[in-house]
């Protein structure tokens, strides 16, 4: 079962880019297929917007620098049993 993150939970994992707590969906969703780096969906979207503005295509993982597969991310589902 996913761990629901309360606002007052100081030990909740946070997005390494914006430091906001990761919600239950973000905790179980690995956006990077290569290294499993977790970040919030807001920062993921911002990375994609920045990459598109620079004409570089897909955004890159801040951890391993591999390109995100937008089709894989868009088709990702969260397993509620995790």
Protein backbone atom coordinates (compact mmCIF):
# COMPACT_ATOMS: atom_id res chain seq x y z
CA UNK A 1 0.00 0.00 0.00
CA UNK A 2 1.42 3.45 -0.83
CA UNK A 3 2.63 5.62 1.99
CA UNK A 4 0.53 8.76 2.10
CA UNK A 5 2.71 11.73 2.84
CA UNK A 6 1.34 14.17 5.38
CA UNK A 7 2.29 17.84 5.20
CA UNK A 8 3.82 17.66 8.67
CA UNK A 9 5.94 14.58 7.93
CA UNK A 10 9.48 15.98 8.14
CA UNK A 11 11.01 12.65 7.09
CA UNK A 12 9.00 12.45 3.86
CA UNK A 13 11.18 12.08 0.77
CA UNK A 14 11.46 15.34 -1.10
CA UNK A 15 12.07 16.27 -4.71
CA UNK A 16 15.82 16.85 -5.03
CA UNK A 17 15.22 19.83 -7.33
CA UNK A 18 12.53 21.89 -5.56
CA UNK A 19 12.62 20.25 -2.09
CA UNK A 20 8.82 19.81 -2.00
CA UNK A 21 7.62 16.51 -0.47
CA UNK A 22 6.92 13.78 -3.00
CA UNK A 23 3.30 12.64 -2.98
CA UNK A 24 2.25 8.97 -2.99
CA UNK A 25 2.16 8.76 -6.79
CA UNK A 26 5.60 10.33 -7.18
CA UNK A 27 7.08 7.97 -4.57
CA UNK A 28 6.25 4.89 -6.63
CA UNK A 29 6.68 6.36 -10.13
CA UNK A 30 10.22 6.14 -11.50
CA UNK A 31 10.48 8.60 -14.36
CA UNK A 32 13.99 7.56 -15.40
CA UNK A 33 14.13 4.01 -16.73
CA UNK A 34 17.93 3.94 -16.47
CA UNK A 35 18.61 4.98 -12.87
CA UNK A 36 15.17 5.24 -11.21
CA UNK A 37 15.77 8.85 -10.11
CA UNK A 38 12.66 10.28 -8.46
CA UNK A 39 11.51 13.87 -8.75
CA UNK A 40 8.14 15.59 -8.56
CA UNK A 41 5.93 15.79 -11.62
CA UNK A 42 6.09 19.60 -11.54
CA UNK A 43 9.89 19.55 -11.91
CA UNK A 44 9.65 16.82 -14.57
CA UNK A 45 7.30 19.07 -16.55
CA UNK A 46 9.62 22.06 -16.13
CA UNK A 47 12.60 20.00 -17.38
CA UNK A 48 10.58 19.07 -20.46
CA UNK A 49 9.57 22.68 -21.12
CA UNK A 50 13.17 23.85 -20.79
CA UNK A 51 14.41 21.13 -23.16
CA UNK A 52 11.74 22.02 -25.72
CA UNK A 53 12.57 25.72 -25.48
CA UNK A 54 16.23 24.96 -26.13
CA UNK A 55 15.30 22.77 -29.10
CA UNK A 56 16.91 19.75 -27.48
CA UNK A 57 13.93 17.42 -27.68
CA UNK A 58 13.29 15.24 -24.64
CA UNK A 59 14.44 16.29 -21.20
CA UNK A 60 17.38 14.54 -19.55
CA UNK A 61 17.47 12.95 -16.13
CA UNK A 62 19.29 15.29 -13.71
CA UNK A 63 21.01 12.28 -12.13
CA UNK A 64 22.32 10.14 -15.01
CA UNK A 65 21.72 12.54 -17.97
CA UNK A 66 19.89 9.91 -20.05
CA UNK A 67 16.95 11.19 -22.06
CA UNK A 68 13.47 10.62 -20.67
CA UNK A 69 11.23 8.48 -22.84
CA UNK A 70 8.08 10.63 -22.94
CA UNK A 71 5.94 7.77 -24.29
CA UNK A 72 7.02 5.45 -21.46
CA UNK A 73 6.36 8.14 -18.86
CA UNK A 74 2.96 9.03 -20.33
CA UNK A 75 1.93 5.35 -20.29
CA UNK A 76 3.21 4.71 -16.77
CA UNK A 77 0.75 3.52 -14.21
CA UNK A 78 1.09 3.51 -10.48
CA UNK A 79 0.77 0.14 -8.80
CA UNK A 80 -1.49 0.79 -5.78
CA UNK A 81 -0.09 -2.30 -4.05
CA UNK A 82 3.35 -0.68 -3.64
